[in-house]
Amino acid sequence: MRGVRLAPPRFQMTIHLDVVIGVGVLAGAWAGAWATRGARPRGAEIAALALALVALLGMLNGPMHDLSDRVLFSAHMAQHLVLTLVVPPLVLLAVPGWMIDGLLRAARLDTLVRALTRPVPALALYTIALVTWHLPAAYTRALEVHGWHIVQHLTLMAAATLAWWPVLGRSSLAPRLPYAAQILHLFAFGMPMTAVAAMITGSEALLYPFYAEAPRLVGLTPFDDQRLGGVLMWVPAAVVPLIAFTAVFFRWVAAERDEDVAVRDPDERPALR
């Protein structure tokens, strides 16, 4: 492709010690809480945490990190998708309610977290984080200053966790929504990312000139790379909430069936889920 400066592929195994330490602290705190309680986690909780931590390590280290930080906007958007649509729900599935409640009580954050995890503030904060960090000035600043890049990733993950909480939260102090409200929440959940993706994909200008000077590993112009990144955001923004919507719907149907059984035969107990 003319006008595209191709560079030989150079995949490095850049390891960020701050990421490795953060993942280790999270895993250690989770395992320590279970050991202190004298109980064992379920297999699904172990799998969810393992997948979340592997995703964090894979996205924030090695070739994916180098591609997203130095070469391809589309790779950076794929990284942000994992940090907002994969890691937060997996962490919420991995952490039991008693562990969250104990942490909230110890830090005296139960009132604040209960307020922030209600649908309107949770989605508002998620929207603000997504929009702010994909504005050209803020996005470029994060690429140029590593400290700001850490802040970008932390705020995106924190805001996404708040947005997922009304559906997947397991805390009794900051409980998730009833099933019907969860479905409505999921309809709104994908809108902020869809809006950001639409603005990026539909832009007629190069929003992120940082990548114009980057070497090309594939035959994509910086503008084509920008549009590809927008599309990568757009599709999962619709698909992931739809998958969650389907799961919630079937959980709702199962709960209604269990309630019907209990009404017909009070002595019959529904199976634990």
Protein backbone atom coordinates (compact mmCIF):
# COMPACT_ATOMS: atom_id res chain seq x y z
CA MET A 1 0.00 0.00 0.00
CA ARG A 2 1.51 3.36 -1.06
CA GLY A 3 2.26 5.96 1.55
CA VAL A 4 2.49 3.44 4.36
CA ARG A 5 5.88 3.03 6.02
CA LEU A 6 6.24 -0.61 6.91
CA ALA A 7 8.60 -1.75 9.63
CA PRO A 8 9.77 -5.28 10.33
CA PRO A 9 7.75 -6.88 13.12
CA ARG A 10 9.47 -6.49 16.49
CA PHE A 11 7.62 -8.25 19.28
CA GLN A 12 9.19 -7.62 22.64
CA MET A 13 8.41 -9.11 26.01
CA THR A 14 8.25 -5.84 27.90
CA ILE A 15 7.32 -6.62 31.49
CA HIS A 16 5.98 -3.88 33.76
CA LEU A 17 6.84 -4.58 37.37
CA ASP A 18 3.94 -2.44 38.62
CA VAL A 19 1.47 -4.64 36.75
CA VAL A 20 3.04 -7.88 37.99
CA ILE A 21 3.07 -6.59 41.59
CA GLY A 22 -0.55 -5.40 41.32
CA VAL A 23 -1.70 -8.76 40.00
CA GLY A 24 0.25 -10.57 42.71
CA VAL A 25 -1.23 -8.39 45.46
CA LEU A 26 -4.76 -8.97 44.16
CA ALA A 27 -4.27 -12.74 43.95
CA GLY A 28 -2.60 -12.87 47.36
CA ALA A 29 -5.31 -10.80 49.06
CA TRP A 30 -8.03 -12.99 47.54
CA ALA A 31 -6.33 -16.23 48.58
CA GLY A 32 -5.51 -14.83 52.02
CA ALA A 33 -9.13 -13.86 52.65
CA TRP A 34 -10.27 -17.39 51.83
CA ALA A 35 -7.56 -18.89 54.07
CA THR A 36 -8.54 -16.62 56.96
CA ARG A 37 -12.15 -17.66 56.57
CA GLY A 38 -11.15 -21.33 56.58
CA ALA A 39 -13.14 -22.05 53.45
CA ARG A 40 -12.44 -22.95 49.84
CA PRO A 41 -13.63 -21.01 46.79
CA ARG A 42 -15.78 -22.61 44.14
CA GLY A 43 -14.17 -23.72 40.92
CA ALA A 44 -16.01 -21.02 38.97
CA GLU A 45 -14.59 -18.33 41.27
CA ILE A 46 -11.06 -19.64 40.84
CA ALA A 47 -11.49 -19.76 37.06
CA ALA A 48 -12.93 -16.24 36.91
CA LEU A 49 -10.07 -14.75 38.92
CA ALA A 50 -7.43 -16.67 36.97
CA LEU A 51 -8.85 -15.48 33.65
CA ALA A 52 -9.01 -11.88 34.89
CA LEU A 53 -5.40 -11.91 36.07
CA VAL A 54 -4.12 -13.61 32.91
CA ALA A 55 -6.00 -11.01 30.83
CA LEU A 56 -4.40 -8.18 32.82
CA LEU A 57 -0.92 -9.63 32.44
CA GLY A 58 -1.41 -10.29 28.74
CA MET A 59 -2.86 -6.88 27.89
CA LEU A 60 -0.45 -4.76 29.94
CA ASN A 61 2.79 -6.60 29.18
CA GLY A 62 4.60 -8.08 26.21
CA PRO A 63 3.74 -7.66 22.52
CA MET A 64 0.19 -6.41 23.11
CA HIS A 65 1.46 -3.61 25.32
CA ASP A 66 4.12 -2.59 22.79
CA LEU A 67 1.70 -2.66 19.86
CA SER A 68 -0.92 -0.58 21.63
CA ASP A 69 1.51 1.95 23.09
CA ARG A 70 3.76 2.50 20.08
CA VAL A 71 2.27 1.21 16.85
CA LEU A 72 -1.47 0.58 16.45
CA PHE A 73 -4.45 2.55 17.73
CA SER A 74 -6.64 -0.49 16.99
CA ALA A 75 -4.48 -2.64 19.30
CA HIS A 76 -4.90 -0.03 22.03
CA MET A 77 -8.69 -0.15 21.61
CA ALA A 78 -8.60 -3.94 21.86
CA GLN A 79 -6.64 -3.50 25.09
CA HIS A 80 -9.25 -1.06 26.45
CA LEU A 81 -12.04 -3.48 25.56
CA VAL A 82 -10.46 -6.21 27.66
CA LEU A 83 -9.88 -3.80 30.55
CA THR A 84 -13.53 -2.65 30.57
CA LEU A 85 -15.62 -5.54 29.21
CA VAL A 86 -13.66 -8.61 30.35
CA VAL A 87 -11.59 -7.97 33.48
CA PRO A 88 -14.19 -6.14 35.67
CA PRO A 89 -17.03 -8.69 35.24
CA LEU A 90 -14.63 -11.57 35.86
CA VAL A 91 -13.35 -9.95 39.06
CA LEU A 92 -16.90 -9.34 40.28
CA LEU A 93 -17.74 -12.99 39.59
CA ALA A 94 -14.62 -14.13 41.44
CA VAL A 95 -15.08 -12.11 44.64
CA PRO A 96 -17.83 -13.42 46.98
CA GLY A 97 -20.19 -11.12 48.80
CA TRP A 98 -18.70 -11.71 52.27
CA MET A 99 -15.27 -10.64 51.01
CA ILE A 100 -16.59 -7.42 49.45
CA ASP A 101 -18.70 -6.59 52.51
CA GLY A 102 -15.76 -7.14 54.85
CA LEU A 103 -13.59 -4.80 52.78
CA LEU A 104 -16.28 -2.13 52.58
CA ARG A 105 -16.90 -2.26 56.33
CA ALA A 106 -13.19 -2.16 57.16
CA ALA A 107 -12.64 0.86 54.92
CA ARG A 108 -15.98 2.44 55.90
CA LEU A 109 -16.89 2.75 52.23
CA ASP A 110 -20.23 0.92 52.26
CA THR A 111 -22.37 4.07 52.00
CA LEU A 112 -20.21 5.58 49.25
CA VAL A 113 -20.00 2.39 47.20
CA ARG A 114 -23.73 1.76 47.57
CA ALA A 115 -24.37 5.24 46.14
CA LEU A 116 -21.84 4.92 43.30
CA THR A 117 -23.06 1.50 42.19
CA ARG A 118 -26.65 2.62 41.57
CA PRO A 119 -27.40 2.65 37.82
CA VAL A 120 -27.38 6.40 37.14
CA PRO A 121 -24.14 7.37 38.90
CA ALA A 122 -22.42 4.15 37.81
CA LEU A 123 -23.22 4.70 34.14
CA ALA A 124 -22.47 8.43 34.42
CA LEU A 125 -18.99 7.78 35.80
CA TYR A 126 -18.38 5.08 33.17
CA THR A 127 -19.41 7.48 30.42
CA ILE A 128 -17.21 10.27 31.76
CA ALA A 129 -14.19 7.95 31.94
CA LEU A 130 -14.70 6.59 28.42
CA VAL A 131 -15.29 9.95 26.80
CA THR A 132 -12.54 11.79 28.68
CA TRP A 133 -9.78 9.27 28.00
CA HIS A 134 -10.62 9.05 24.29
CA LEU A 135 -10.49 12.79 23.74
CA PRO A 136 -7.37 13.43 21.61
CA ALA A 137 -5.57 15.61 24.19
CA ALA A 138 -6.10 13.26 27.14
CA TYR A 139 -5.41 10.15 25.06
CA THR A 140 -2.14 11.56 23.70
CA ARG A 141 -1.05 12.68 27.16
CA ALA A 142 -1.55 9.14 28.45
CA LEU A 143 0.64 7.77 25.66
CA GLU A 144 3.40 10.26 26.28
CA VAL A 145 3.52 10.05 30.10
CA HIS A 146 3.59 6.59 31.63
CA GLY A 147 2.14 7.77 34.93
CA TRP A 148 -0.91 9.18 33.20
CA HIS A 149 -1.25 5.94 31.24
CA ILE A 150 -1.48 4.03 34.52
CA VAL A 151 -4.13 6.47 35.73
CA GLN A 152 -6.03 6.01 32.45
CA HIS A 153 -6.16 2.23 32.81
CA LEU A 154 -7.04 2.34 36.51
CA THR A 155 -9.89 4.80 36.03
CA LEU A 156 -11.28 2.88 33.05
CA MET A 157 -11.28 -0.37 35.02
CA ALA A 158 -12.71 1.26 38.15
CA ALA A 159 -15.50 2.98 36.22
CA ALA A 160 -16.29 -0.22 34.32
CA THR A 161 -16.47 -2.13 37.62
CA LEU A 162 -19.03 0.37 38.92
CA ALA A 163 -21.03 -0.01 35.70
CA TRP A 164 -21.00 -3.83 35.89
CA TRP A 165 -21.82 -3.87 39.63
CA PRO A 166 -25.63 -3.45 39.31
CA VAL A 167 -25.68 -6.73 37.37
CA LEU A 168 -22.83 -8.77 38.85
CA GLY A 169 -22.20 -7.32 42.30
CA ARG A 170 -22.45 -9.88 45.11
CA SER A 171 -22.38 -7.52 48.09
CA SER A 172 -25.26 -7.33 50.54
CA LEU A 173 -24.22 -3.77 51.47
CA ALA A 174 -24.31 -2.60 47.85
CA PRO A 175 -26.61 -5.17 46.24
CA ARG A 176 -27.21 -5.70 42.55
CA LEU A 177 -30.50 -4.82 40.90
CA PRO A 178 -33.54 -7.07 40.54
CA TYR A 179 -33.55 -9.07 37.32
CA ALA A 180 -35.93 -6.79 35.40
CA ALA A 181 -33.86 -3.73 36.27
CA GLN A 182 -30.65 -5.57 35.33
CA ILE A 183 -31.98 -6.06 31.82
CA LEU A 184 -32.81 -2.37 31.49
CA HIS A 185 -29.38 -1.48 32.85
CA LEU A 186 -27.68 -3.67 30.26
CA PHE A 187 -29.58 -1.92 27.46
CA ALA A 188 -28.01 1.35 28.61
CA PHE A 189 -24.60 -0.13 29.42
CA GLY A 190 -23.41 -0.36 25.82
CA MET A 191 -24.44 3.16 24.84
CA PRO A 192 -21.39 5.12 26.11
CA MET A 193 -18.87 2.93 24.29
CA THR A 194 -21.05 2.84 21.18
CA ALA A 195 -21.15 6.65 21.15
CA VAL A 196 -17.37 6.94 21.52
CA ALA A 197 -16.82 4.28 18.85
CA ALA A 198 -19.19 6.04 16.46
CA MET A 199 -17.35 9.35 16.86
CA ILE A 200 -13.99 7.69 16.23
CA THR A 201 -15.18 5.61 13.28
CA GLY A 202 -17.07 8.47 11.63
CA SER A 203 -14.37 11.09 12.04
CA GLU A 204 -12.99 12.52 8.80
CA ALA A 205 -9.84 13.72 10.55
CA LEU A 206 -6.96 11.87 12.16
CA LEU A 207 -7.80 12.25 15.85
CA TYR A 208 -4.60 10.75 17.24
CA PRO A 209 -1.55 12.08 15.31
CA PHE A 210 0.74 10.13 17.68
CA TYR A 211 0.22 7.07 15.49
CA ALA A 212 1.01 8.93 12.26
CA GLU A 213 4.70 8.79 13.16
CA ALA A 214 4.61 5.16 14.30
CA PRO A 215 6.09 2.38 12.15
CA ARG A 216 3.54 0.24 10.36
CA LEU A 217 3.56 -3.48 11.09
CA VAL A 218 0.68 -4.07 8.68
CA GLY A 219 -0.49 -2.29 5.55
CA LEU A 220 -2.82 0.09 7.35
CA THR A 221 -2.63 3.86 7.11
CA PRO A 222 -3.01 5.68 10.43
CA PHE A 223 -6.50 6.74 9.33
CA ASP A 224 -7.51 3.16 8.47
CA ASP A 225 -6.07 2.03 11.80
CA GLN A 226 -8.21 4.65 13.57
CA ARG A 227 -11.36 3.46 11.84
CA LEU A 228 -10.52 -0.17 12.60
CA GLY A 229 -10.10 0.76 16.27
CA GLY A 230 -13.51 2.43 16.24
CA VAL A 231 -15.13 -0.65 14.73
CA LEU A 232 -13.41 -2.90 17.27
CA MET A 233 -15.00 -0.81 20.02
CA TRP A 234 -18.40 -0.65 18.32
CA VAL A 235 -19.06 -4.37 17.87
CA PRO A 236 -18.20 -5.64 21.39
CA ALA A 237 -20.07 -2.68 22.88
CA ALA A 238 -23.21 -4.31 21.48
CA VAL A 239 -22.30 -8.00 21.69
CA VAL A 240 -20.99 -8.22 25.27
CA PRO A 241 -24.07 -6.59 26.89
CA LEU A 242 -26.24 -8.84 24.71
CA ILE A 243 -24.47 -11.93 26.08
CA ALA A 244 -24.93 -10.61 29.62
CA PHE A 245 -28.58 -9.79 28.85
CA THR A 246 -29.14 -13.39 27.73
CA ALA A 247 -27.53 -14.80 30.88
CA VAL A 248 -29.62 -12.53 33.11
CA PHE A 249 -32.79 -13.45 31.26
CA PHE A 250 -32.26 -17.19 31.80
CA ARG A 251 -31.35 -16.61 35.47
CA TRP A 252 -34.58 -14.67 35.83
CA VAL A 253 -36.61 -17.48 34.23
CA ALA A 254 -34.93 -20.04 36.52
CA ALA A 255 -35.65 -17.91 39.60
CA GLU A 256 -39.31 -17.52 38.59
CA ARG A 257 -39.58 -21.30 38.10
CA ASP A 258 -38.07 -21.94 41.54
CA GLU A 259 -40.54 -19.51 43.10
CA ASP A 260 -43.44 -21.25 41.39
CA VAL A 261 -42.24 -24.61 42.71
CA ALA A 262 -41.93 -23.17 46.22
CA VAL A 263 -45.49 -21.82 46.07
CA ARG A 264 -46.91 -25.14 44.90
CA ASP A 265 -44.87 -27.20 47.35
CA PRO A 266 -43.40 -25.21 50.27
CA ASP A 267 -41.46 -28.26 51.46
CA GLU A 268 -39.56 -28.53 48.19
CA ARG A 269 -36.40 -26.38 48.21
CA PRO A 270 -34.92 -25.04 44.96
CA ALA A 271 -31.41 -26.17 44.21
CA LEU A 272 -28.62 -23.80 45.18
CA ARG A 273 -27.16 -21.86 42.26
